[in-house]
C-alpha atoms as a PDB file:
ATOM      1  CA  UNK A   1      30.988 153.495 -21.200  1.00  0.00           C
ATOM      2  CA  UNK A   2      28.812 152.834 -24.191  1.00  0.00           C
ATOM      3  CA  UNK A   3      28.253 149.499 -25.017  1.00  0.00           C
ATOM      4  CA  UNK A   4      29.428 148.566 -28.631  1.00  0.00           C
ATOM      5  CA  UNK A   5      27.209 146.021 -30.287  1.00  0.00           C
ATOM      6  CA  UNK A   6      29.803 144.834 -32.734  1.00  0.00           C
ATOM      7  CA  UNK A   7      32.225 144.107 -29.995  1.00  0.00           C
ATOM      8  CA  UNK A   8      29.515 142.152 -28.045  1.00  0.00           C
ATOM      9  CA  UNK A   9      28.852 140.182 -31.246  1.00  0.00           C
ATOM     10  CA  UNK A  10      32.546 139.431 -31.910  1.00  0.00           C
ATOM     11  CA  UNK A  11      32.903 138.416 -28.127  1.00  0.00           C
ATOM     12  CA  UNK A  12      29.944 136.073 -28.483  1.00  0.00           C
ATOM     13  CA  UNK A  13      31.397 134.477 -31.624  1.00  0.00           C
ATOM     14  CA  UNK A  14      34.785 134.109 -29.987  1.00  0.00           C
ATOM     15  CA  UNK A  15      33.326 132.278 -26.801  1.00  0.00           C
ATOM     16  CA  UNK A  16      31.032 130.038 -29.127  1.00  0.00           C
ATOM     17  CA  UNK A  17      34.094 129.353 -31.306  1.00  0.00           C
ATOM     18  CA  UNK A  18      36.476 128.477 -28.505  1.00  0.00           C
ATOM     19  CA  UNK A  19      36.945 124.507 -28.462  1.00  0.00           C
ATOM     20  CA  UNK A  20      37.211 124.680 -24.683  1.00  0.00           C
ATOM     21  CA  UNK A  21      33.690 126.352 -24.317  1.00  0.00           C
ATOM     22  CA  UNK A  22      31.709 124.478 -21.911  1.00  0.00           C
ATOM     23  CA  UNK A  23      34.560 122.369 -20.743  1.00  0.00           C
ATOM     24  CA  UNK A  24      34.626 123.969 -17.314  1.00  0.00           C
ATOM     25  CA  UNK A  25      37.997 125.928 -18.197  1.00  0.00           C
ATOM     26  CA  UNK A  26      37.896 129.639 -18.186  1.00  0.00           C
ATOM     27  CA  UNK A  27      38.416 130.983 -21.780  1.00  0.00           C
ATOM     28  CA  UNK A  28      40.794 133.945 -22.887  1.00  0.00           C
ATOM     29  CA  UNK A  29      38.910 136.309 -24.890  1.00  0.00           C
ATOM     30  CA  UNK A  30      40.942 138.502 -27.006  1.00  0.00           C
ATOM     31  CA  UNK A  31      39.551 140.639 -29.948  1.00  0.00           C
ATOM     32  CA  UNK A  32      41.681 142.131 -32.607  1.00  0.00           C
ATOM     33  CA  UNK A  33      41.726 145.942 -32.785  1.00  0.00           C
ATOM     34  CA  UNK A  34      40.044 146.435 -29.077  1.00  0.00           C
ATOM     35  CA  UNK A  35      41.839 147.377 -25.762  1.00  0.00           C
ATOM     36  CA  UNK A  36      41.743 144.739 -22.915  1.00  0.00           C
ATOM     37  CA  UNK A  37      39.920 147.233 -20.933  1.00  0.00           C
ATOM     38  CA  UNK A  38      37.086 147.856 -23.311  1.00  0.00           C
ATOM     39  CA  UNK A  39      36.963 144.029 -23.809  1.00  0.00           C
ATOM     40  CA  UNK A  40      36.673 143.311 -20.311  1.00  0.00           C
ATOM     41  CA  UNK A  41      33.803 145.841 -19.732  1.00  0.00           C
ATOM     42  CA  UNK A  42      31.683 144.311 -22.494  1.00  0.00           C
ATOM     43  CA  UNK A  43      32.437 140.922 -21.143  1.00  0.00           C
ATOM     44  CA  UNK A  44      31.080 142.019 -17.936  1.00  0.00           C
ATOM     45  CA  UNK A  45      28.227 143.479 -19.629  1.00  0.00           C
ATOM     46  CA  UNK A  46      27.524 140.091 -21.582  1.00  0.00           C
ATOM     47  CA  UNK A  47      27.813 138.241 -18.173  1.00  0.00           C
ATOM     48  CA  UNK A  48      25.192 140.706 -16.557  1.00  0.00           C
ATOM     49  CA  UNK A  49      22.795 140.296 -19.303  1.00  0.00           C
ATOM     50  CA  UNK A  50      23.123 136.291 -19.178  1.00  0.00           C
ATOM     51  CA  UNK A  51      24.497 135.942 -22.486  1.00  0.00           C
ATOM     52  CA  UNK A  52      27.696 134.128 -21.091  1.00  0.00           C
ATOM     53  CA  UNK A  53      28.399 132.016 -18.344  1.00  0.00           C
ATOM     54  CA  UNK A  54      31.250 132.662 -15.799  1.00  0.00           C
ATOM     55  CA  UNK A  55      32.255 133.367 -12.397  1.00  0.00           C
ATOM     56  CA  UNK A  56      33.362 137.147 -11.246  1.00  0.00           C
ATOM     57  CA  UNK A  57      36.938 137.354 -10.139  1.00  0.00           C
ATOM     58  CA  UNK A  58      37.340 141.018  -9.772  1.00  0.00           C
ATOM     59  CA  UNK A  59      39.364 142.106  -6.485  1.00  0.00           C
ATOM     60  CA  UNK A  60      40.480 145.313  -5.172  1.00  0.00           C
ATOM     61  CA  UNK A  61      43.308 145.628  -7.323  1.00  0.00           C
ATOM     62  CA  UNK A  62      41.773 144.612 -10.685  1.00  0.00           C
ATOM     63  CA  UNK A  63      42.060 147.489 -13.028  1.00  0.00           C
ATOM     64  CA  UNK A  64      38.966 146.693 -14.606  1.00  0.00           C
ATOM     65  CA  UNK A  65      36.159 143.756 -14.271  1.00  0.00           C
ATOM     66  CA  UNK A  66      37.121 140.319 -14.454  1.00  0.00           C
ATOM     67  CA  UNK A  67      35.131 137.655 -15.339  1.00  0.00           C
ATOM     68  CA  UNK A  68      36.077 134.124 -15.909  1.00  0.00           C
ATOM     69  CA  UNK A  69      34.191 133.071 -19.059  1.00  0.00           C
ATOM     70  CA  UNK A  70      32.966 129.417 -19.350  1.00  0.00           C
ATOM     71  CA  UNK A  71      30.373 129.123 -22.142  1.00  0.00           C
ATOM     72  CA  UNK A  72      27.912 131.086 -24.369  1.00  0.00           C
ATOM     73  CA  UNK A  73      24.292 130.515 -22.859  1.00  0.00           C
ATOM     74  CA  UNK A  74      21.142 129.745 -25.210  1.00  0.00           C
ATOM     75  CA  UNK A  75      20.226 133.519 -24.881  1.00  0.00           C
ATOM     76  CA  UNK A  76      23.641 134.241 -26.613  1.00  0.00           C
ATOM     77  CA  UNK A  77      23.387 131.751 -29.131  1.00  0.00           C
ATOM     78  CA  UNK A  78      19.913 133.258 -29.995  1.00  0.00           C
ATOM     79  CA  UNK A  79      21.231 136.680 -29.990  1.00  0.00           C
ATOM     80  CA  UNK A  80      23.990 135.472 -32.550  1.00  0.00           C
ATOM     81  CA  UNK A  81      21.189 133.628 -34.845  1.00  0.00           C
ATOM     82  CA  UNK A  82      19.297 136.825 -35.140  1.00  0.00           C
ATOM     83  CA  UNK A  83      22.210 139.121 -36.003  1.00  0.00           C
ATOM     84  CA  UNK A  84      24.133 136.780 -38.424  1.00  0.00           C
ATOM     85  CA  UNK A  85      21.979 133.376 -39.151  1.00  0.00           C
ATOM     86  CA  UNK A  86      23.952 132.542 -42.103  1.00  0.00           C
ATOM     87  CA  UNK A  87      27.480 133.627 -41.355  1.00  0.00           C
ATOM     88  CA  UNK A  88      30.292 131.465 -42.348  1.00  0.00           C
ATOM     89  CA  UNK A  89      32.174 132.314 -39.131  1.00  0.00           C
ATOM     90  CA  UNK A  90      30.135 130.153 -36.853  1.00  0.00           C
ATOM     91  CA  UNK A  91      29.577 126.767 -36.263  1.00  0.00           C
ATOM     92  CA  UNK A  92      26.490 125.212 -35.425  1.00  0.00           C
ATOM     93  CA  UNK A  93      26.206 124.356 -31.859  1.00  0.00           C
ATOM     94  CA  UNK A  94      23.456 122.187 -30.207  1.00  0.00           C
END
């Protein structure tokens, strides 16, 4: 599967913007206009690359990779800063 950089960026923004990020609770990641399976593969990619934190929950009956997402990493924030440093859609996180 080809990785869609726009979808990756949207997932990172969704994680960063979630008020529960960093709380230890898993986050629900939904991106309008994308199939759940495609989003799941991209979440797995971001997790593999160390851009989000989480825990793998894939089992034999899983129709696609399942990652319980907890937060965005500093590397994920840096990537967003490089791509959209002045975007009004993002909050400043320290």
